[in-house]
Amino acid sequence: MCLLLYQTCVIMNRKIAIIILSISMFAACVPAKKVEDIKRKKEICEEQRAALEEANRKLDEDFTEVNEKYIDLSRTHKSLMKDTIVQGRSLRLMTKNYDQLHSTYELLLSKNRELLQGREAESASMFRNLTQSQQNLRDQTIALEKAKANLEAKEKNLTQLKTELEKREERVNELEAVLARKDSAVLALKAKVQDALLGFENNGLTIEQKNGKVYVSLDESLLFASGKYHIEKKGKEALNNLGAVLEKNPDVNVLVEGHTDNVPYNGSGILKDNWDLSVKRATSVVKIILDKNKIDAMRLTAAGRADYVPIATNDTKEGRAKNRRTEIILTPKLDELMKLLESN
């Protein structure tokens, strides 16, 4: 609008100059008052022209400021392009289109200036093109804002994922700490059992730690006579020592498993086969452990496995002797670990 006013003022100035020239040629024929009026109008036009030039200068300053903001936005846009490949390609394409539109806009401005200097007949068409270019620029700006909002949303999502990952890592660390404490408890339990059974280890008794448990394996020769389930004196001593340890460690569950070789049991009475023998041996061990120690019976389980879990071949005398055993499996309670898992 200011540009059109400026153009109008220039045309008026030209007309006024012609009028003044005509006045100078025909001064003798024009009254002095009209000359003064014409001069006054010229002065007013000059003042308006000066005002329009000042307004045009301010518009140039505003344009410079807007252009600087545009440059800052372009830099921000380029920074955002690096965040994601897909969005980066889209932003680069929009930037290219934006640059092309900006070049077209500059070209149209140049053409518009040329039209203002002498090709007024084409100004209307060029003005429509300029308006369309401005609309396209606004559309591109809106697209850039949407792309920026999309990137910000993705950054927020990444932050949330990072937070969740940190929480999961914290949970894993807690679980690892609980498992470490459990391993330490198992190791300490093994040491206590070894101390209590020091005189029996490697004399028909072995102690092993695996799978987070302590395995106490007693050969048949340490506990029972062949084919019997009544515990011998030496076996009772070992079991009482073990029971004393279990009494002081109430957070340990106990599974007693009776095992036999594959030789069929040919007994009589209540024992019919290896299943019966293995179960009776396991229950006999449980009763000895409970007999002289204050232990909650709920912690103990007796099981017979017959000859179905051998640890050696049954084809040799030595192998069958190893298979005829009683295993006492000590498992620390996992209450803390289960509570932690349930809280997840």
Protein backbone atom coordinates (compact mmCIF):
# COMPACT_ATOMS: atom_id res chain seq x y z
CA MET A 1 0.00 0.00 0.00
CA CYS A 2 2.84 2.40 0.92
CA LEU A 3 4.52 1.53 -2.36
CA LEU A 4 1.42 2.54 -4.34
CA LEU A 5 1.13 5.79 -2.37
CA TYR A 6 4.77 6.52 -3.07
CA GLN A 7 4.16 5.91 -6.81
CA THR A 8 1.14 8.21 -6.77
CA CYS A 9 3.13 10.95 -5.06
CA VAL A 10 5.92 10.67 -7.64
CA ILE A 11 3.39 11.03 -10.48
CA MET A 12 1.83 14.03 -8.74
CA ASN A 13 5.27 15.60 -8.31
CA ARG A 14 5.90 15.17 -12.02
CA LYS A 15 2.56 16.78 -12.85
CA ILE A 16 3.24 19.63 -10.42
CA ALA A 17 6.66 20.20 -12.05
CA ILE A 18 4.97 20.44 -15.44
CA ILE A 19 2.42 22.84 -14.01
CA ILE A 20 5.18 25.01 -12.49
CA LEU A 21 7.00 24.99 -15.82
CA SER A 22 3.82 26.06 -17.53
CA ILE A 23 3.34 28.73 -14.87
CA SER A 24 6.86 30.03 -15.47
CA MET A 25 6.09 30.24 -19.19
CA PHE A 26 2.76 31.95 -18.68
CA ALA A 27 3.47 33.84 -15.45
CA ALA A 28 2.33 37.08 -16.91
CA CYS A 29 -1.11 35.60 -17.57
CA VAL A 30 -1.65 33.88 -14.12
CA PRO A 31 -2.51 35.83 -10.99
CA ALA A 32 0.04 35.77 -8.13
CA LYS A 33 -2.45 34.09 -5.77
CA LYS A 34 -2.78 31.04 -8.02
CA VAL A 35 0.98 30.82 -8.22
CA GLU A 36 1.13 30.78 -4.46
CA ASP A 37 -1.55 28.07 -4.30
CA ILE A 38 0.38 25.95 -6.73
CA LYS A 39 3.58 26.39 -4.73
CA ARG A 40 1.69 25.49 -1.56
CA LYS A 41 0.36 22.32 -3.19
CA LYS A 42 3.89 21.48 -4.31
CA GLU A 43 5.17 21.93 -0.78
CA ILE A 44 2.40 19.69 0.54
CA CYS A 45 3.28 17.04 -2.01
CA GLU A 46 6.94 17.32 -1.08
CA GLU A 47 6.03 16.82 2.56
CA GLN A 48 3.87 13.83 1.67
CA ARG A 49 6.66 12.45 -0.49
CA ALA A 50 9.12 12.88 2.41
CA ALA A 51 6.64 11.19 4.76
CA LEU A 52 6.20 8.33 2.30
CA GLU A 53 9.94 7.99 1.90
CA GLU A 54 10.27 7.79 5.71
CA ALA A 55 7.48 5.21 5.81
CA ASN A 56 9.21 3.27 3.04
CA ARG A 57 12.48 3.41 4.99
CA LYS A 58 10.73 2.02 8.07
CA LEU A 59 9.19 -0.69 5.97
CA ASP A 60 12.67 -1.56 4.70
CA GLU A 61 13.86 -1.76 8.30
CA ASP A 62 10.90 -3.97 9.21
CA PHE A 63 11.62 -6.13 6.21
CA THR A 64 15.27 -6.44 7.29
CA GLU A 65 14.17 -7.46 10.79
CA VAL A 66 11.70 -9.99 9.39
CA ASN A 67 14.38 -11.30 7.04
CA GLU A 68 16.79 -11.73 10.00
CA LYS A 69 14.09 -13.63 11.87
CA TYR A 70 13.60 -15.72 8.77
CA ILE A 71 17.35 -16.48 8.72
CA ASP A 72 17.19 -17.52 12.40
CA LEU A 73 14.21 -19.74 11.65
CA SER A 74 16.11 -21.29 8.73
CA ARG A 75 19.01 -22.11 11.08
CA THR A 76 16.64 -23.64 13.60
CA HIS A 77 15.03 -25.54 10.76
CA LYS A 78 18.41 -26.92 9.65
CA SER A 79 19.14 -28.03 13.24
CA LEU A 80 15.82 -29.83 13.46
CA MET A 81 16.52 -31.60 10.17
CA LYS A 82 19.34 -33.55 11.84
CA ASP A 83 17.08 -35.18 14.45
CA THR A 84 15.50 -37.77 12.19
CA ILE A 85 16.21 -38.98 8.68
CA VAL A 86 12.59 -39.03 7.52
CA GLN A 87 11.79 -35.62 8.96
CA GLY A 88 15.17 -34.38 7.72
CA ARG A 89 14.34 -35.30 4.15
CA SER A 90 10.94 -33.66 4.43
CA LEU A 91 12.44 -30.50 5.91
CA ARG A 92 15.14 -30.35 3.26
CA LEU A 93 12.50 -30.67 0.56
CA MET A 94 10.39 -27.95 2.14
CA THR A 95 13.47 -25.75 2.55
CA LYS A 96 14.31 -26.22 -1.11
CA ASN A 97 10.74 -25.32 -2.06
CA TYR A 98 10.90 -22.42 0.34
CA ASP A 99 14.12 -21.15 -1.26
CA GLN A 100 12.60 -21.51 -4.71
CA LEU A 101 9.52 -19.62 -3.62
CA HIS A 102 11.70 -16.97 -2.00
CA SER A 103 13.69 -16.60 -5.23
CA THR A 104 10.41 -16.32 -7.14
CA TYR A 105 9.23 -13.79 -4.61
CA GLU A 106 12.40 -11.71 -5.07
CA LEU A 107 12.07 -11.98 -8.82
CA LEU A 108 8.47 -10.85 -8.63
CA LEU A 109 9.49 -7.93 -6.45
CA SER A 110 12.08 -6.96 -9.03
CA LYS A 111 9.56 -7.30 -11.83
CA ASN A 112 7.09 -5.28 -9.80
CA ARG A 113 9.60 -2.46 -9.45
CA GLU A 114 10.16 -2.56 -13.20
CA LEU A 115 6.44 -2.39 -13.78
CA LEU A 116 6.18 0.61 -11.47
CA GLN A 117 8.80 2.35 -13.61
CA GLY A 118 7.02 1.97 -16.89
CA ARG A 119 4.97 -1.21 -17.41
CA GLU A 120 1.84 -0.44 -15.49
CA ALA A 121 -0.30 -2.50 -17.82
CA GLU A 122 1.13 -5.79 -16.43
CA SER A 123 1.11 -4.77 -12.75
CA ALA A 124 -2.23 -6.40 -11.93
CA SER A 125 -1.10 -9.84 -13.13
CA MET A 126 2.24 -9.55 -11.38
CA PHE A 127 0.54 -8.45 -8.20
CA ARG A 128 -1.64 -11.57 -8.28
CA ASN A 129 1.47 -13.68 -8.71
CA LEU A 130 3.12 -11.87 -5.83
CA THR A 131 0.07 -12.48 -3.65
CA GLN A 132 0.11 -16.17 -4.56
CA SER A 133 3.81 -16.38 -3.73
CA GLN A 134 3.15 -14.81 -0.35
CA GLN A 135 0.39 -17.32 0.27
CA ASN A 136 2.74 -20.14 -0.70
CA LEU A 137 5.33 -18.75 1.70
CA ARG A 138 2.73 -18.71 4.46
CA ASP A 139 1.77 -22.29 3.63
CA GLN A 140 5.41 -23.35 3.77
CA THR A 141 5.84 -21.57 7.09
CA ILE A 142 2.84 -23.44 8.48
CA ALA A 143 4.32 -26.71 7.17
CA LEU A 144 7.62 -25.87 8.86
CA GLU A 145 5.81 -25.20 12.14
CA LYS A 146 4.02 -28.54 11.88
CA ALA A 147 7.31 -30.30 11.19
CA LYS A 148 8.83 -28.58 14.21
CA ALA A 149 5.88 -29.65 16.39
CA ASN A 150 6.25 -33.22 15.10
CA LEU A 151 9.93 -33.24 16.00
CA GLU A 152 9.18 -31.87 19.45
CA ALA A 153 6.61 -34.62 19.97
CA LYS A 154 9.18 -37.24 18.95
CA GLU A 155 11.73 -35.73 21.30
CA LYS A 156 9.16 -35.91 24.10
CA ASN A 157 8.48 -39.55 23.23
CA LEU A 158 12.21 -40.29 23.27
CA THR A 159 12.48 -38.64 26.68
CA GLN A 160 9.64 -40.81 27.99
CA LEU A 161 11.27 -43.92 26.57
CA LYS A 162 14.56 -42.94 28.19
CA THR A 163 12.80 -42.49 31.53
CA GLU A 164 11.14 -45.90 31.22
CA LEU A 165 14.48 -47.46 30.29
CA GLU A 166 16.11 -45.89 33.33
CA LYS A 167 13.32 -47.28 35.53
CA ARG A 168 13.75 -50.72 34.00
CA GLU A 169 17.50 -50.51 34.53
CA GLU A 170 16.87 -49.56 38.15
CA ARG A 171 14.61 -52.60 38.51
CA VAL A 172 17.25 -54.84 36.96
CA ASN A 173 19.84 -53.45 39.37
CA GLU A 174 17.50 -54.16 42.27
CA LEU A 175 16.94 -57.71 41.04
CA GLU A 176 20.66 -58.21 40.59
CA ALA A 177 21.25 -56.93 44.11
CA VAL A 178 18.65 -59.33 45.50
CA LEU A 179 20.16 -62.21 43.53
CA ALA A 180 23.60 -61.25 44.78
CA ARG A 181 22.32 -61.30 48.36
CA LYS A 182 20.70 -64.67 47.66
CA ASP A 183 23.98 -66.05 46.27
CA SER A 184 25.79 -64.72 49.32
CA ALA A 185 23.19 -66.37 51.57
CA VAL A 186 23.60 -69.67 49.70
CA LEU A 187 27.37 -69.45 50.00
CA ALA A 188 27.13 -68.69 53.72
CA LEU A 189 24.67 -71.58 54.17
CA LYS A 190 27.04 -73.94 52.42
CA ALA A 191 29.87 -72.86 54.72
CA LYS A 192 27.70 -73.47 57.81
CA VAL A 193 26.67 -76.91 56.55
CA GLN A 194 30.31 -77.80 55.79
CA ASP A 195 31.33 -76.74 59.29
CA ALA A 196 28.52 -78.80 60.85
CA LEU A 197 29.33 -81.90 58.75
CA LEU A 198 33.10 -81.48 58.73
CA GLY A 199 33.78 -85.01 59.95
CA PHE A 200 31.46 -86.62 57.41
CA GLU A 201 32.39 -84.85 54.17
CA ASN A 202 34.14 -87.17 51.70
CA ASN A 203 33.16 -90.12 53.92
CA GLY A 204 29.93 -90.92 52.18
CA LEU A 205 28.79 -87.28 52.20
CA THR A 206 29.33 -84.51 49.65
CA ILE A 207 28.25 -80.86 49.68
CA GLU A 208 27.77 -78.91 46.48
CA GLN A 209 26.40 -75.47 45.56
CA LYS A 210 24.59 -75.10 42.23
CA ASN A 211 21.53 -73.35 40.78
CA GLY A 212 21.27 -71.13 43.84
CA LYS A 213 20.89 -74.13 46.17
CA VAL A 214 23.03 -76.28 48.49
CA TYR A 215 22.98 -80.02 47.74
CA VAL A 216 23.93 -82.42 50.57
CA SER A 217 24.29 -85.93 49.16
CA LEU A 218 24.58 -88.90 51.56
CA ASP A 219 25.56 -92.37 50.34
CA GLU A 220 23.44 -95.35 51.34
CA SER A 221 26.38 -96.68 53.41
CA LEU A 222 26.27 -93.60 55.69
CA LEU A 223 22.56 -93.86 56.50
CA PHE A 224 21.07 -97.27 55.80
CA ALA A 225 21.76 -100.96 55.66
CA SER A 226 21.18 -102.50 52.24
CA GLY A 227 17.50 -102.61 51.38
CA LYS A 228 16.51 -100.96 54.71
CA TYR A 229 15.08 -97.58 55.64
CA HIS A 230 16.03 -97.41 59.32
CA ILE A 231 18.87 -94.91 59.81
CA GLU A 232 22.16 -96.08 61.34
CA LYS A 233 23.79 -94.34 64.33
CA LYS A 234 26.44 -92.55 62.29
CA GLY A 235 23.80 -91.26 59.86
CA LYS A 236 21.68 -89.94 62.75
CA GLU A 237 24.66 -87.96 64.03
CA ALA A 238 25.19 -86.32 60.63
CA LEU A 239 21.47 -85.52 60.28
CA ASN A 240 21.28 -84.04 63.80
CA ASN A 241 24.24 -81.78 63.01
CA LEU A 242 22.52 -80.69 59.83
CA GLY A 243 19.26 -80.14 61.73
CA ALA A 244 21.03 -77.80 64.16
CA VAL A 245 22.09 -75.64 61.20
CA LEU A 246 18.57 -75.64 59.75
CA GLU A 247 17.10 -74.64 63.13
CA LYS A 248 19.30 -71.51 63.16
CA ASN A 249 18.40 -70.66 59.56
CA PRO A 250 14.59 -70.53 59.39
CA ASP A 251 14.61 -68.94 55.92
CA VAL A 252 15.76 -72.19 54.28
CA ASN A 253 13.39 -74.75 52.74
CA VAL A 254 14.42 -78.41 52.75
CA LEU A 255 13.68 -81.07 50.12
CA VAL A 256 14.74 -84.63 50.93
CA GLU A 257 14.93 -86.99 47.94
CA GLY A 258 15.48 -90.74 48.20
CA HIS A 259 17.24 -92.45 45.25
CA THR A 260 17.94 -96.11 44.44
CA ASP A 261 19.74 -98.05 41.75
CA ASN A 262 17.87 -99.96 39.05
CA VAL A 263 18.07 -103.35 40.76
CA PRO A 264 14.46 -104.39 41.49
CA TYR A 265 13.58 -104.42 45.20
CA ASN A 266 12.51 -107.88 46.33
CA GLY A 267 11.43 -107.07 49.85
CA SER A 268 8.29 -107.96 51.73
CA GLY A 269 5.84 -106.22 54.02
CA ILE A 270 5.02 -102.57 53.34
CA LEU A 271 7.83 -102.13 50.77
CA LYS A 272 6.93 -103.43 47.34
CA ASP A 273 9.49 -101.81 45.04
CA ASN A 274 12.17 -99.12 44.68
CA TRP A 275 9.53 -96.39 44.80
CA ASP A 276 8.44 -97.47 48.26
CA LEU A 277 12.04 -97.81 49.44
CA SER A 278 13.07 -94.36 48.20
CA VAL A 279 10.01 -92.68 49.77
CA LYS A 280 10.48 -94.43 53.14
CA ARG A 281 14.15 -93.46 53.23
CA ALA A 282 13.29 -89.84 52.52
CA THR A 283 10.61 -89.72 55.25
CA SER A 284 13.00 -91.39 57.71
CA VAL A 285 15.55 -88.63 57.11
CA VAL A 286 12.88 -85.95 57.60
CA LYS A 287 11.78 -87.48 60.91
CA ILE A 288 15.36 -87.58 62.26
CA ILE A 289 15.93 -83.93 61.32
CA LEU A 290 12.69 -82.93 63.11
CA ASP A 291 13.21 -85.20 66.09
CA LYS A 292 15.75 -83.16 68.12
CA ASN A 293 15.50 -79.76 66.45
CA LYS A 294 12.87 -77.04 66.62
CA ILE A 295 12.10 -76.78 62.93
CA ASP A 296 8.78 -75.92 61.30
CA ALA A 297 7.71 -79.10 59.52
CA MET A 298 6.18 -76.93 56.78
CA ARG A 299 9.73 -76.21 55.61
CA LEU A 300 10.48 -79.88 54.86
CA THR A 301 9.37 -82.01 51.93
CA ALA A 302 10.06 -85.75 51.48
CA ALA A 303 10.11 -87.27 47.99
CA GLY A 304 11.00 -90.63 46.49
CA ARG A 305 12.64 -90.73 43.06
CA ALA A 306 13.31 -94.50 42.86
CA ASP A 307 15.93 -95.22 40.18
CA TYR A 308 14.83 -92.55 37.68
CA VAL A 309 17.43 -89.86 38.49
CA PRO A 310 20.80 -91.68 38.37
CA ILE A 311 24.07 -89.77 38.67
CA ALA A 312 26.19 -92.71 37.41
CA THR A 313 25.79 -95.78 35.27
CA ASN A 314 23.89 -98.71 36.73
CA ASP A 315 26.00 -101.12 34.72
CA THR A 316 28.78 -101.26 37.35
CA LYS A 317 28.86 -101.97 41.08
CA GLU A 318 30.48 -98.60 41.77
CA GLY A 319 27.91 -96.74 39.67
CA ARG A 320 24.99 -98.43 41.42
CA ALA A 321 26.52 -97.54 44.80
CA LYS A 322 26.62 -93.84 43.80
CA ASN A 323 23.01 -93.95 42.68
CA ARG A 324 21.84 -95.36 46.05
CA ARG A 325 21.85 -92.03 47.85
CA THR A 326 19.76 -89.50 49.70
CA GLU A 327 19.93 -85.87 48.61
CA ILE A 328 19.01 -83.03 50.94
CA ILE A 329 18.43 -79.89 48.88
CA LEU A 330 18.54 -76.62 50.82
CA THR A 331 16.87 -73.61 49.16
CA PRO A 332 16.87 -70.11 50.70
CA LYS A 333 13.43 -68.53 50.58
CA LEU A 334 12.93 -66.01 47.78
CA ASP A 335 10.32 -63.80 49.48
CA GLU A 336 12.27 -60.60 48.83
CA LEU A 337 12.80 -61.48 45.18
CA MET A 338 9.15 -62.48 44.68
CA LYS A 339 7.92 -59.22 46.25
CA LEU A 340 10.20 -57.26 43.94
CA LEU A 341 8.93 -59.18 40.90
CA GLU A 342 5.31 -58.68 41.94
CA SER A 343 5.89 -54.94 42.32
CA ASN A 344 6.82 -54.85 38.60
